[in-house]
Amino acid sequence: MLSEVRKKQIKKLLKKLNIDSNDEDIFNIALTHPSYNYESNLENMPDYERLEFLGDSVLRLSVSNFLFEKYTNFDEGKLTKIRSYLVSDEFLSKQALIMGIENYINIGEHEEKDGGRQKESILACTLEAIFGAIYLSCSYEFAKKFIYKIYEELSEDFENILYSYNSKEILQQYTQSKNKDLPIYEVIEETGQAHEKTYRVSVTYQNEVLGIGEGKQKKEAEKNAAFKAIQKLNLTEGGKND
């Protein structure tokens, strides 16, 4: 049984997200990290993992439909690459933070101290579990509309997203077409507390700095640095690549 305090918390989140459901229990499961049950000696109680599995499928089908309907001129390869970003932990974790989901997650004390509420993987998994909970407690159509709304409100250009997300791959393909030298990524600055660091990374090719990027994770900073590099090299849409 959920406490009245927890029920109120979940009702508050559902109202905030415009989710029309009275099933607080399933959303409590979606918001429960395995570490919480383990540390609370509730190991036989469900956590978000099964709902995450279901929500991942709901998400992929919805995003596939969204892109198929929106970009009738894109081929399968381009649609696949854009979808790979739109269902990635990187993207989903950002959306979870925008929704404020981190404040409602049941999480173990150790994971809490380790900055778990801000971890990309935990935020993404929780949001996928919420998609699964919406599907079960409402319907697929409701879940699809909820997911569509996330992407319809994006201010980013999907063409730009495609280049940004694949920037490291694009840059490496370019350098390998020239010679066998690879881009070199180097952390040049770290700021913030241990669980809230910001990284600045440079990418160098043949002793020339091509770009500098920032991010909450090293891989994000590397990707942003690579995107600056491919822009400098005119490797994005409309640019030259020779």
C-alpha atoms as a PDB file:
ATOM      1  CA  MET A   1       0.000   0.000   0.000  1.00  0.00           C
ATOM      2  CA  LEU A   2       1.233   3.443  -0.864  1.00  0.00           C
ATOM      3  CA  SER A   3       1.337   6.048   1.845  1.00  0.00           C
ATOM      4  CA  GLU A   4      -0.931   9.064   1.462  1.00  0.00           C
ATOM      5  CA  VAL A   5       2.159  11.243   1.106  1.00  0.00           C
ATOM      6  CA  ARG A   6       3.453   9.148  -1.789  1.00  0.00           C
ATOM      7  CA  LYS A   7       0.013   9.085  -3.443  1.00  0.00           C
ATOM      8  CA  LYS A   8      -0.102  12.880  -3.304  1.00  0.00           C
ATOM      9  CA  GLN A   9       3.390  13.095  -4.810  1.00  0.00           C
ATOM     10  CA  ILE A  10       2.429  10.874  -7.727  1.00  0.00           C
ATOM     11  CA  LYS A  11      -0.896  12.647  -8.287  1.00  0.00           C
ATOM     12  CA  LYS A  12       1.017  15.919  -8.398  1.00  0.00           C
ATOM     13  CA  LEU A  13       3.362  14.553 -11.076  1.00  0.00           C
ATOM     14  CA  LEU A  14       0.509  13.069 -13.128  1.00  0.00           C
ATOM     15  CA  LYS A  15      -1.317  16.395 -13.046  1.00  0.00           C
ATOM     16  CA  LYS A  16       1.858  18.230 -14.025  1.00  0.00           C
ATOM     17  CA  LEU A  17       2.376  15.901 -17.007  1.00  0.00           C
ATOM     18  CA  ASN A  18      -1.332  15.884 -17.977  1.00  0.00           C
ATOM     19  CA  ILE A  19      -1.569  12.114 -17.566  1.00  0.00           C
ATOM     20  CA  ASP A  20      -5.175  11.056 -17.027  1.00  0.00           C
ATOM     21  CA  SER A  21      -4.777   8.047 -14.740  1.00  0.00           C
ATOM     22  CA  ASN A  22      -5.862   7.109 -11.223  1.00  0.00           C
ATOM     23  CA  ASP A  23      -3.448   4.177 -10.979  1.00  0.00           C
ATOM     24  CA  GLU A  24      -0.841   5.629  -8.632  1.00  0.00           C
ATOM     25  CA  ASP A  25       0.556   2.158  -7.941  1.00  0.00           C
ATOM     26  CA  ILE A  26       1.810   1.531 -11.463  1.00  0.00           C
ATOM     27  CA  PHE A  27       3.437   4.952 -11.640  1.00  0.00           C
ATOM     28  CA  ASN A  28       5.062   4.364  -8.269  1.00  0.00           C
ATOM     29  CA  ILE A  29       6.622   1.221  -9.751  1.00  0.00           C
ATOM     30  CA  ALA A  30       7.753   3.216 -12.810  1.00  0.00           C
ATOM     31  CA  LEU A  31       9.428   5.687 -10.459  1.00  0.00           C
ATOM     32  CA  THR A  32      11.201   3.088  -8.311  1.00  0.00           C
ATOM     33  CA  HIS A  33      14.881   2.369  -8.942  1.00  0.00           C
ATOM     34  CA  PRO A  34      16.067  -1.165  -7.989  1.00  0.00           C
ATOM     35  CA  SER A  35      18.397   0.293  -5.340  1.00  0.00           C
ATOM     36  CA  TYR A  36      15.409   1.570  -3.347  1.00  0.00           C
ATOM     37  CA  ASN A  37      13.811  -1.843  -2.924  1.00  0.00           C
ATOM     38  CA  TYR A  38      17.178  -3.459  -2.198  1.00  0.00           C
ATOM     39  CA  GLU A  39      18.078  -1.013   0.577  1.00  0.00           C
ATOM     40  CA  SER A  40      14.522  -1.096   1.971  1.00  0.00           C
ATOM     41  CA  ASN A  41      14.499  -4.924   2.147  1.00  0.00           C
ATOM     42  CA  LEU A  42      11.728  -4.988  -0.447  1.00  0.00           C
ATOM     43  CA  GLU A  43      13.556  -7.128  -2.977  1.00  0.00           C
ATOM     44  CA  ASN A  44      10.369  -9.011  -3.888  1.00  0.00           C
ATOM     45  CA  MET A  45       8.602  -5.792  -4.793  1.00  0.00           C
ATOM     46  CA  PRO A  46       8.610  -4.613  -8.427  1.00  0.00           C
ATOM     47  CA  ASP A  47      10.843  -1.817  -9.671  1.00  0.00           C
ATOM     48  CA  TYR A  48      10.897   0.046 -12.986  1.00  0.00           C
ATOM     49  CA  GLU A  49      12.809  -2.539 -15.018  1.00  0.00           C
ATOM     50  CA  ARG A  50       9.860  -4.492 -16.504  1.00  0.00           C
ATOM     51  CA  LEU A  51       7.937  -1.309 -17.279  1.00  0.00           C
ATOM     52  CA  GLU A  52      11.074   0.121 -18.868  1.00  0.00           C
ATOM     53  CA  PHE A  53      11.215  -2.906 -21.176  1.00  0.00           C
ATOM     54  CA  LEU A  54       7.613  -2.311 -22.243  1.00  0.00           C
ATOM     55  CA  GLY A  55       7.987   1.469 -22.468  1.00  0.00           C
ATOM     56  CA  ASP A  56      11.011   1.141 -24.736  1.00  0.00           C
ATOM     57  CA  SER A  57       8.856  -0.695 -27.297  1.00  0.00           C
ATOM     58  CA  VAL A  58       6.043   1.852 -27.002  1.00  0.00           C
ATOM     59  CA  LEU A  59       8.562   4.667 -27.465  1.00  0.00           C
ATOM     60  CA  ARG A  60      10.246   3.149 -30.532  1.00  0.00           C
ATOM     61  CA  LEU A  61       6.953   2.453 -32.286  1.00  0.00           C
ATOM     62  CA  SER A  62       5.656   5.951 -31.514  1.00  0.00           C
ATOM     63  CA  VAL A  63       8.840   7.686 -32.651  1.00  0.00           C
ATOM     64  CA  SER A  64       8.962   5.563 -35.793  1.00  0.00           C
ATOM     65  CA  ASN A  65       5.384   6.603 -36.606  1.00  0.00           C
ATOM     66  CA  PHE A  66       6.157  10.234 -35.832  1.00  0.00           C
ATOM     67  CA  LEU A  67       9.165  10.377 -38.141  1.00  0.00           C
ATOM     68  CA  PHE A  68       7.467   8.334 -40.866  1.00  0.00           C
ATOM     69  CA  GLU A  69       4.539  10.776 -40.923  1.00  0.00           C
ATOM     70  CA  LYS A  70       6.600  13.959 -40.590  1.00  0.00           C
ATOM     71  CA  TYR A  71       9.437  13.254 -43.033  1.00  0.00           C
ATOM     72  CA  THR A  72       7.912  11.649 -46.095  1.00  0.00           C
ATOM     73  CA  ASN A  73      11.018  12.508 -48.147  1.00  0.00           C
ATOM     74  CA  PHE A  74      13.564  10.865 -45.794  1.00  0.00           C
ATOM     75  CA  ASP A  75      14.866   7.404 -46.642  1.00  0.00           C
ATOM     76  CA  GLU A  76      15.108   4.533 -44.162  1.00  0.00           C
ATOM     77  CA  GLY A  77      18.750   5.241 -43.343  1.00  0.00           C
ATOM     78  CA  LYS A  78      18.172   8.863 -42.371  1.00  0.00           C
ATOM     79  CA  LEU A  79      15.033   8.016 -40.387  1.00  0.00           C
ATOM     80  CA  THR A  80      16.951   5.326 -38.481  1.00  0.00           C
ATOM     81  CA  LYS A  81      19.785   7.695 -37.588  1.00  0.00           C
ATOM     82  CA  ILE A  82      17.440  10.399 -36.329  1.00  0.00           C
ATOM     83  CA  ARG A  83      15.436   7.851 -34.337  1.00  0.00           C
ATOM     84  CA  SER A  84      18.622   6.540 -32.742  1.00  0.00           C
ATOM     85  CA  TYR A  85      19.108   9.940 -31.118  1.00  0.00           C
ATOM     86  CA  LEU A  86      15.454  10.534 -30.243  1.00  0.00           C
ATOM     87  CA  VAL A  87      15.300   7.269 -28.250  1.00  0.00           C
ATOM     88  CA  SER A  88      18.801   7.574 -26.759  1.00  0.00           C
ATOM     89  CA  ASP A  89      19.553   7.887 -23.045  1.00  0.00           C
ATOM     90  CA  GLU A  90      21.100  11.265 -23.783  1.00  0.00           C
ATOM     91  CA  PHE A  91      17.892  12.673 -25.245  1.00  0.00           C
ATOM     92  CA  LEU A  92      15.478  10.954 -22.848  1.00  0.00           C
ATOM     93  CA  SER A  93      17.396  12.043 -19.750  1.00  0.00           C
ATOM     94  CA  LYS A  94      17.191  15.672 -20.873  1.00  0.00           C
ATOM     95  CA  GLN A  95      13.427  15.339 -21.331  1.00  0.00           C
ATOM     96  CA  ALA A  96      13.076  13.715 -17.906  1.00  0.00           C
ATOM     97  CA  LEU A  97      14.851  16.679 -16.324  1.00  0.00           C
ATOM     98  CA  ILE A  98      12.614  19.125 -18.194  1.00  0.00           C
ATOM     99  CA  MET A  99       9.607  17.273 -16.748  1.00  0.00           C
ATOM    100  CA  GLY A 100      11.122  17.310 -13.250  1.00  0.00           C
ATOM    101  CA  ILE A 101      10.863  13.537 -12.931  1.00  0.00           C
ATOM    102  CA  GLU A 102      14.085  13.299 -10.910  1.00  0.00           C
ATOM    103  CA  ASN A 103      12.275  14.752  -7.885  1.00  0.00           C
ATOM    104  CA  TYR A 104       9.811  11.836  -7.757  1.00  0.00           C
ATOM    105  CA  ILE A 105      12.142   8.840  -8.111  1.00  0.00           C
ATOM    106  CA  ASN A 106      12.358   6.325  -5.249  1.00  0.00           C
ATOM    107  CA  ILE A 107      16.086   5.716  -5.001  1.00  0.00           C
ATOM    108  CA  GLY A 108      18.460   4.041  -2.542  1.00  0.00           C
ATOM    109  CA  GLU A 109      20.536   6.136  -0.169  1.00  0.00           C
ATOM    110  CA  HIS A 110      23.852   5.032  -1.673  1.00  0.00           C
ATOM    111  CA  GLU A 111      22.673   5.808  -5.219  1.00  0.00           C
ATOM    112  CA  GLU A 112      21.312   9.129  -3.993  1.00  0.00           C
ATOM    113  CA  LYS A 113      24.718  10.105  -2.590  1.00  0.00           C
ATOM    114  CA  ASP A 114      26.288   9.067  -5.875  1.00  0.00           C
ATOM    115  CA  GLY A 115      24.152  11.585  -7.763  1.00  0.00           C
ATOM    116  CA  GLY A 116      21.744   8.955  -9.084  1.00  0.00           C
ATOM    117  CA  ARG A 117      18.895  11.393  -9.652  1.00  0.00           C
ATOM    118  CA  GLN A 118      21.006  13.161 -12.266  1.00  0.00           C
ATOM    119  CA  LYS A 119      22.400  10.036 -13.941  1.00  0.00           C
ATOM    120  CA  GLU A 120      21.597   9.796 -17.620  1.00  0.00           C
ATOM    121  CA  SER A 121      20.802   6.071 -17.526  1.00  0.00           C
ATOM    122  CA  ILE A 122      18.482   6.265 -14.496  1.00  0.00           C
ATOM    123  CA  LEU A 123      16.554   9.241 -15.842  1.00  0.00           C
ATOM    124  CA  ALA A 124      16.141   7.622 -19.265  1.00  0.00           C
ATOM    125  CA  CYS A 125      15.039   4.286 -17.806  1.00  0.00           C
ATOM    126  CA  THR A 126      12.533   5.999 -15.524  1.00  0.00           C
ATOM    127  CA  LEU A 127      11.000   7.933 -18.401  1.00  0.00           C
ATOM    128  CA  GLU A 128      10.714   4.758 -20.493  1.00  0.00           C
ATOM    129  CA  ALA A 129       9.032   3.057 -17.523  1.00  0.00           C
ATOM    130  CA  ILE A 130       6.567   5.945 -17.356  1.00  0.00           C
ATOM    131  CA  PHE A 131       5.760   5.387 -21.039  1.00  0.00           C
ATOM    132  CA  GLY A 132       5.065   1.746 -20.168  1.00  0.00           C
ATOM    133  CA  ALA A 133       2.860   2.751 -17.247  1.00  0.00           C
ATOM    134  CA  ILE A 134       0.886   5.166 -19.446  1.00  0.00           C
ATOM    135  CA  TYR A 135       0.370   2.400 -22.013  1.00  0.00           C
ATOM    136  CA  LEU A 136      -0.966  -0.021 -19.388  1.00  0.00           C
ATOM    137  CA  SER A 137      -3.068   2.405 -17.349  1.00  0.00           C
ATOM    138  CA  CYS A 138      -4.411   4.488 -20.236  1.00  0.00           C
ATOM    139  CA  SER A 139      -3.942   3.175 -23.779  1.00  0.00           C
ATOM    140  CA  TYR A 140      -1.434   3.020 -26.595  1.00  0.00           C
ATOM    141  CA  GLU A 141      -3.114   5.994 -28.300  1.00  0.00           C
ATOM    142  CA  PHE A 142      -2.769   8.089 -25.154  1.00  0.00           C
ATOM    143  CA  ALA A 143       0.866   7.034 -24.757  1.00  0.00           C
ATOM    144  CA  LYS A 144       1.552   7.853 -28.410  1.00  0.00           C
ATOM    145  CA  LYS A 145       0.019  11.321 -28.050  1.00  0.00           C
ATOM    146  CA  PHE A 146       2.067  11.910 -24.904  1.00  0.00           C
ATOM    147  CA  ILE A 147       5.258  10.909 -26.729  1.00  0.00           C
ATOM    148  CA  TYR A 148       4.365  12.878 -29.875  1.00  0.00           C
ATOM    149  CA  LYS A 149       3.977  16.005 -27.758  1.00  0.00           C
ATOM    150  CA  ILE A 150       7.604  15.714 -26.610  1.00  0.00           C
ATOM    151  CA  TYR A 151       8.884  15.736 -30.177  1.00  0.00           C
ATOM    152  CA  GLU A 152       6.397  18.251 -31.558  1.00  0.00           C
ATOM    153  CA  GLU A 153       7.611  20.799 -29.000  1.00  0.00           C
ATOM    154  CA  LEU A 154      11.266  20.386 -29.953  1.00  0.00           C
ATOM    155  CA  SER A 155      12.785  23.639 -31.132  1.00  0.00           C
ATOM    156  CA  GLU A 156      15.763  21.786 -32.604  1.00  0.00           C
ATOM    157  CA  ASP A 157      15.992  21.100 -36.306  1.00  0.00           C
ATOM    158  CA  PHE A 158      16.066  17.335 -36.864  1.00  0.00           C
ATOM    159  CA  GLU A 159      18.622  17.676 -39.659  1.00  0.00           C
ATOM    160  CA  ASN A 160      20.903  19.439 -37.196  1.00  0.00           C
ATOM    161  CA  ILE A 161      20.199  16.749 -34.601  1.00  0.00           C
ATOM    162  CA  LEU A 162      21.296  14.116 -37.114  1.00  0.00           C
ATOM    163  CA  TYR A 163      24.684  15.763 -37.614  1.00  0.00           C
ATOM    164  CA  SER A 164      25.150  16.600 -33.940  1.00  0.00           C
ATOM    165  CA  TYR A 165      24.406  13.078 -32.703  1.00  0.00           C
ATOM    166  CA  ASN A 166      26.653  11.422 -35.300  1.00  0.00           C
ATOM    167  CA  SER A 167      29.367  14.078 -35.213  1.00  0.00           C
ATOM    168  CA  LYS A 168      32.141  11.827 -33.882  1.00  0.00           C
ATOM    169  CA  GLU A 169      31.434   9.207 -36.536  1.00  0.00           C
ATOM    170  CA  ILE A 170      31.283  11.848 -39.286  1.00  0.00           C
ATOM    171  CA  LEU A 171      34.559  13.411 -38.173  1.00  0.00           C
ATOM    172  CA  GLN A 172      36.335  10.054 -37.985  1.00  0.00           C
ATOM    173  CA  GLN A 173      35.086   9.038 -41.433  1.00  0.00           C
ATOM    174  CA  TYR A 174      36.441  12.308 -42.782  1.00  0.00           C
ATOM    175  CA  THR A 175      39.883  11.922 -41.204  1.00  0.00           C
ATOM    176  CA  GLN A 176      40.159   8.299 -42.306  1.00  0.00           C
ATOM    177  CA  SER A 177      39.355   9.351 -45.851  1.00  0.00           C
ATOM    178  CA  LYS A 178      42.413  11.630 -45.689  1.00  0.00           C
ATOM    179  CA  ASN A 179      44.892   9.360 -43.915  1.00  0.00           C
ATOM    180  CA  LYS A 180      45.043   6.954 -40.984  1.00  0.00           C
ATOM    181  CA  ASP A 181      45.331   9.648 -38.299  1.00  0.00           C
ATOM    182  CA  LEU A 182      42.405   9.765 -35.873  1.00  0.00           C
ATOM    183  CA  PRO A 183      40.919  12.779 -34.064  1.00  0.00           C
ATOM    184  CA  ILE A 184      42.277  13.148 -30.531  1.00  0.00           C
ATOM    185  CA  TYR A 185      39.910  14.151 -27.719  1.00  0.00           C
ATOM    186  CA  GLU A 186      41.312  15.719 -24.560  1.00  0.00           C
ATOM    187  CA  VAL A 187      39.614  17.002 -21.413  1.00  0.00           C
ATOM    188  CA  ILE A 188      40.950  20.534 -20.955  1.00  0.00           C
ATOM    189  CA  GLU A 189      38.816  21.582 -17.977  1.00  0.00           C
ATOM    190  CA  GLU A 190      36.549  20.098 -15.300  1.00  0.00           C
ATOM    191  CA  THR A 191      34.294  22.254 -13.134  1.00  0.00           C
ATOM    192  CA  GLY A 192      31.623  21.587 -10.486  1.00  0.00           C
ATOM    193  CA  GLN A 193      31.078  19.022  -7.743  1.00  0.00           C
ATOM    194  CA  ALA A 194      31.916  15.348  -8.244  1.00  0.00           C
ATOM    195  CA  HIS A 195      28.350  14.375  -9.216  1.00  0.00           C
ATOM    196  CA  GLU A 196      27.613  17.614 -11.120  1.00  0.00           C
ATOM    197  CA  LYS A 197      30.735  18.108 -13.201  1.00  0.00           C
ATOM    198  CA  THR A 198      30.933  20.002 -16.468  1.00  0.00           C
ATOM    199  CA  TYR A 199      33.636  18.939 -18.900  1.00  0.00           C
ATOM    200  CA  ARG A 200      35.341  20.975 -21.608  1.00  0.00           C
ATOM    201  CA  VAL A 201      36.912  18.824 -24.299  1.00  0.00           C
ATOM    202  CA  SER A 202      39.026  19.725 -27.312  1.00  0.00           C
ATOM    203  CA  VAL A 203      39.294  17.671 -30.475  1.00  0.00           C
ATOM    204  CA  THR A 204      42.583  17.839 -32.355  1.00  0.00           C
ATOM    205  CA  TYR A 205      43.516  16.515 -35.769  1.00  0.00           C
ATOM    206  CA  GLN A 206      47.093  16.681 -37.078  1.00  0.00           C
ATOM    207  CA  ASN A 207      48.026  19.074 -34.238  1.00  0.00           C
ATOM    208  CA  GLU A 208      45.189  21.495 -35.063  1.00  0.00           C
ATOM    209  CA  VAL A 209      42.354  22.127 -32.604  1.00  0.00           C
ATOM    210  CA  LEU A 210      39.176  21.806 -34.645  1.00  0.00           C
ATOM    211  CA  GLY A 211      36.607  22.277 -31.916  1.00  0.00           C
ATOM    212  CA  ILE A 212      35.921  22.642 -28.196  1.00  0.00           C
ATOM    213  CA  GLY A 213      32.731  21.358 -26.570  1.00  0.00           C
ATOM    214  CA  GLU A 214      31.138  21.217 -23.132  1.00  0.00           C
ATOM    215  CA  GLY A 215      28.909  18.638 -21.494  1.00  0.00           C
ATOM    216  CA  LYS A 216      27.814  17.018 -18.254  1.00  0.00           C
ATOM    217  CA  GLN A 217      29.484  13.805 -19.391  1.00  0.00           C
ATOM    218  CA  LYS A 218      32.764  13.406 -21.224  1.00  0.00           C
ATOM    219  CA  LYS A 219      31.067  11.717 -24.182  1.00  0.00           C
ATOM    220  CA  GLU A 220      28.612  14.603 -24.499  1.00  0.00           C
ATOM    221  CA  ALA A 221      31.482  17.113 -24.449  1.00  0.00           C
ATOM    222  CA  GLU A 222      33.355  15.048 -27.058  1.00  0.00           C
ATOM    223  CA  LYS A 223      30.271  14.921 -29.278  1.00  0.00           C
ATOM    224  CA  ASN A 224      29.815  18.687 -29.010  1.00  0.00           C
ATOM    225  CA  ALA A 225      33.492  19.274 -29.805  1.00  0.00           C
ATOM    226  CA  ALA A 226      33.208  16.992 -32.837  1.00  0.00           C
ATOM    227  CA  PHE A 227      30.113  18.886 -34.010  1.00  0.00           C
ATOM    228  CA  LYS A 228      32.071  22.154 -33.861  1.00  0.00           C
ATOM    229  CA  ALA A 229      34.798  20.420 -35.872  1.00  0.00           C
ATOM    230  CA  ILE A 230      32.515  19.153 -38.635  1.00  0.00           C
ATOM    231  CA  GLN A 231      30.953  22.603 -38.879  1.00  0.00           C
ATOM    232  CA  LYS A 232      34.417  24.109 -39.246  1.00  0.00           C
ATOM    233  CA  LEU A 233      35.238  21.541 -41.924  1.00  0.00           C
ATOM    234  CA  ASN A 234      31.938  22.170 -43.756  1.00  0.00           C
ATOM    235  CA  LEU A 235      30.827  18.555 -43.364  1.00  0.00           C
ATOM    236  CA  THR A 236      27.206  19.361 -42.482  1.00  0.00           C
ATOM    237  CA  GLU A 237      24.292  19.650 -44.918  1.00  0.00           C
ATOM    238  CA  GLY A 238      25.137  21.952 -47.790  1.00  0.00           C
ATOM    239  CA  GLY A 239      28.837  21.922 -46.936  1.00  0.00           C
ATOM    240  CA  LYS A 240      31.652  20.318 -48.815  1.00  0.00           C
ATOM    241  CA  ASN A 241      33.475  17.230 -47.600  1.00  0.00           C
ATOM    242  CA  ASP A 242      36.554  17.106 -49.748  1.00  0.00           C
END
